[in-house]
Protein backbone atom coordinates (compact mmCIF):
# COMPACT_ATOMS: atom_id res chain seq x y z
CA MET A 1 -122.96 -178.79 -74.07
CA PHE A 2 -125.12 -181.83 -73.27
CA GLU A 3 -122.62 -184.68 -73.50
CA GLU A 4 -122.69 -185.51 -69.80
CA PHE A 5 -126.40 -186.26 -70.23
CA GLY A 6 -125.93 -188.44 -73.33
CA MET A 7 -127.19 -185.77 -75.72
CA GLU A 8 -125.41 -183.93 -78.51
CA TYR A 9 -126.11 -180.81 -80.55
CA ALA A 10 -126.57 -181.90 -84.19
CA GLY A 11 -127.36 -178.68 -86.03
CA ASP A 12 -130.37 -176.50 -86.65
CA VAL A 13 -133.69 -177.10 -88.36
CA GLU A 14 -136.89 -175.24 -89.11
CA VAL A 15 -139.72 -176.50 -86.90
CA LEU A 16 -143.43 -175.98 -86.83
CA VAL A 17 -144.29 -174.57 -83.39
CA LEU A 18 -147.84 -175.35 -82.30
CA TYR A 19 -149.74 -173.11 -79.90
CA GLY A 20 -150.77 -174.82 -76.68
CA ALA A 21 -154.35 -173.55 -76.66
CA THR A 22 -155.07 -174.99 -80.11
CA ILE A 23 -153.14 -178.28 -80.02
CA ASP A 24 -156.24 -180.42 -80.65
CA ASP A 25 -157.28 -178.25 -83.60
CA ALA A 26 -153.75 -178.29 -85.00
CA VAL A 27 -153.46 -182.07 -84.63
CA GLU A 28 -156.72 -182.46 -86.55
CA VAL A 29 -155.32 -180.36 -89.42
CA LEU A 30 -152.01 -182.24 -89.32
CA GLY A 31 -153.93 -185.52 -89.62
CA GLY A 32 -154.87 -184.46 -93.16
CA ASP A 33 -151.29 -185.01 -94.32
CA ALA A 34 -151.48 -188.36 -96.14
CA GLU A 35 -147.69 -188.80 -96.07
CA ASN A 36 -147.27 -188.06 -92.34
CA PRO A 37 -150.66 -188.04 -90.57
CA TYR A 38 -149.20 -188.34 -87.02
CA PRO A 39 -146.11 -186.11 -86.94
CA LEU A 40 -146.28 -185.58 -83.17
CA ASP A 41 -146.59 -189.28 -82.33
CA ASP A 42 -144.05 -190.62 -79.87
CA ASN A 43 -144.72 -194.37 -79.73
CA GLY A 44 -148.43 -193.77 -79.37
CA GLY A 45 -148.09 -190.90 -76.92
CA ALA A 46 -147.45 -187.20 -76.96
CA PRO A 47 -143.90 -185.83 -77.10
CA ASP A 48 -142.11 -184.76 -73.90
CA GLY A 49 -141.59 -181.19 -72.86
CA PRO A 50 -143.59 -178.03 -72.49
CA SER A 51 -143.73 -177.24 -76.23
CA TRP A 52 -145.00 -178.99 -79.35
CA TYR A 53 -142.42 -178.91 -82.17
CA VAL A 54 -142.11 -180.98 -85.31
CA GLU A 55 -139.71 -180.57 -88.23
CA ALA A 56 -141.48 -178.36 -90.76
CA ASP A 57 -140.12 -180.22 -93.78
CA SER A 58 -141.66 -183.49 -92.51
CA ILE A 59 -145.13 -182.05 -93.13
CA ALA A 60 -146.70 -181.24 -96.49
CA SER A 61 -146.27 -177.54 -97.26
CA GLU A 62 -150.02 -177.05 -97.78
CA ILE A 63 -150.68 -178.48 -94.30
CA VAL A 64 -148.09 -176.13 -92.77
CA ALA A 65 -149.73 -173.24 -94.63
CA GLN A 66 -153.13 -174.26 -93.25
CA ILE A 67 -151.75 -174.40 -89.68
CA GLU A 68 -150.28 -170.91 -90.10
CA ALA A 69 -153.40 -169.49 -91.77
CA ASN A 70 -155.55 -170.73 -88.88
CA ARG A 71 -153.01 -169.33 -86.39
CA PHE A 72 -152.49 -172.75 -84.82
CA GLY A 73 -148.72 -172.40 -85.14
CA TYR A 74 -145.75 -170.86 -86.92
CA ARG A 75 -142.32 -171.79 -88.26
CA ALA A 76 -139.15 -171.06 -86.30
CA ASN A 77 -135.55 -172.22 -86.08
CA ALA A 78 -134.60 -174.77 -83.43
CA ARG A 79 -131.61 -176.81 -82.37
CA ILE A 80 -131.58 -180.54 -83.03
CA ILE A 81 -130.39 -182.48 -79.99
CA THR A 82 -129.73 -186.19 -80.53
CA GLY A 83 -129.43 -188.92 -77.92
CA TYR A 84 -132.61 -187.90 -76.13
CA ASP A 85 -134.13 -190.81 -74.22
CA GLY A 86 -136.36 -188.95 -71.79
CA THR A 87 -134.47 -189.41 -68.54
CA ASP A 88 -135.28 -187.05 -65.70
CA GLU A 89 -131.73 -185.68 -65.91
CA GLN A 90 -132.12 -184.87 -69.62
CA LYS A 91 -135.48 -183.20 -69.02
CA ARG A 92 -134.02 -181.09 -66.20
CA GLU A 93 -131.10 -180.03 -68.39
CA LEU A 94 -133.39 -179.04 -71.26
CA ASN A 95 -135.68 -177.18 -68.85
CA ASP A 96 -132.69 -175.33 -67.41
CA LYS A 97 -131.20 -174.35 -70.77
CA PHE A 98 -134.45 -173.81 -72.72
CA PRO A 99 -137.29 -173.11 -70.26
CA PHE A 100 -140.67 -173.72 -71.93
CA ARG A 101 -138.95 -174.00 -75.36
CA TRP A 102 -138.19 -177.66 -76.03
CA CYS A 103 -139.91 -180.82 -77.27
CA GLY A 104 -138.51 -184.36 -77.06
CA TYR A 105 -139.29 -187.63 -78.83
CA THR A 106 -137.90 -190.72 -77.07
CA SER A 107 -138.94 -192.98 -79.96
CA ARG A 108 -136.78 -190.90 -82.34
CA GLN A 109 -134.08 -190.12 -79.74
CA VAL A 110 -134.26 -186.45 -80.65
CA ALA A 111 -135.28 -183.21 -78.99
CA TYR A 112 -135.80 -179.78 -80.51
CA ALA A 113 -135.00 -176.65 -78.50
CA ARG A 114 -135.32 -172.96 -79.20
CA ASP A 115 -133.36 -170.06 -77.80
CA ALA A 116 -135.24 -167.18 -76.18
CA GLU A 117 -136.60 -164.70 -78.67
């Protein structure tokens, strides 16, 4: 599906989807996770793409529960796409296939994308 752009589908994962209007509040709550206080960090910057996704199992369950209780986000299934390096071509392809529903991390060489609901 994405091979011509250097990316490959690598399975599915449950992600924590953060709401755009409350990103700062959600990031503050996420910072309380002693094991993973910066789950959205991409080499010191924010991840690429129009959405904010992070693997749910990389965050302490009580932190995920707090995010959901405060309505800062929710869990959903997403595709794992490896080989992501943030090129304009890759971003265009992800935008075409998953408009407004993807998040990429160049430092991890991974993107997460969700199908339309």
